[in-house]
């Protein structure tokens, strides 16, 4: 059972979202609160698997709440939900430690899938924010005067190949089919990548692949074009 928490200061939104998720097999909405401070307290007293968190709330906002939850070692993986598709929110959410960033107008089936995906250990970002994230990385690269950083030492040729496919947005199943590998082998490669690079999740791996030149930014921007 995936235990989910909802953190949003719009009661009608959380009520509707709670009904949607609560009706799904294998998902239970454990609690709902209206601000970041309450979320911090409830996450400590009643840990959950996934936290859906609004970015703009009174008091402690979503990004600050995410940082505090991560620093406190809260076990739940965090997905930011917002109506604002801006570079600052996307980059801020990823840097704060969120495992996902979804717009509130995301289709219900996509949001349900996102909860299951994040619970399984992957990350999710809506297509629009994905493009903004990549564009923000491009801007950061343009401002840098330092040479391109190298990949961390110790990566095998196969791990680097898997890293490139993760950066292109392929799922584990798609990587299996592309490389003719078993699911267990692909999961092992990704676990090794996370351990060797110190990345938190797949989004962090994408940023690493971009910054080290494993994949070309223009290629990914073309793939995420509407």
Foldseek 3Di string as FASTA:
>chain_A
DFEEEEEAQPVVLVVVLQVLQCPDPPYHDPYYYHDLVVVQVCLVVPAGAEYEAEQDGPDQGRLNSLLVCVVVVRNHAYEYEYQDQALCVLVSCVVSRHQEYYYSPPDSVVVSVQSVQVSVFAGYYPLSSVLSPLVVLVVVVVPDPDPQDAAQPDQDPVLLVLLLVLLLVDDLVRVCVVVVHDSVVSVVSVVVVCVRRVARHSVSSNSSCDSNVSDDSVVSSVVSDD
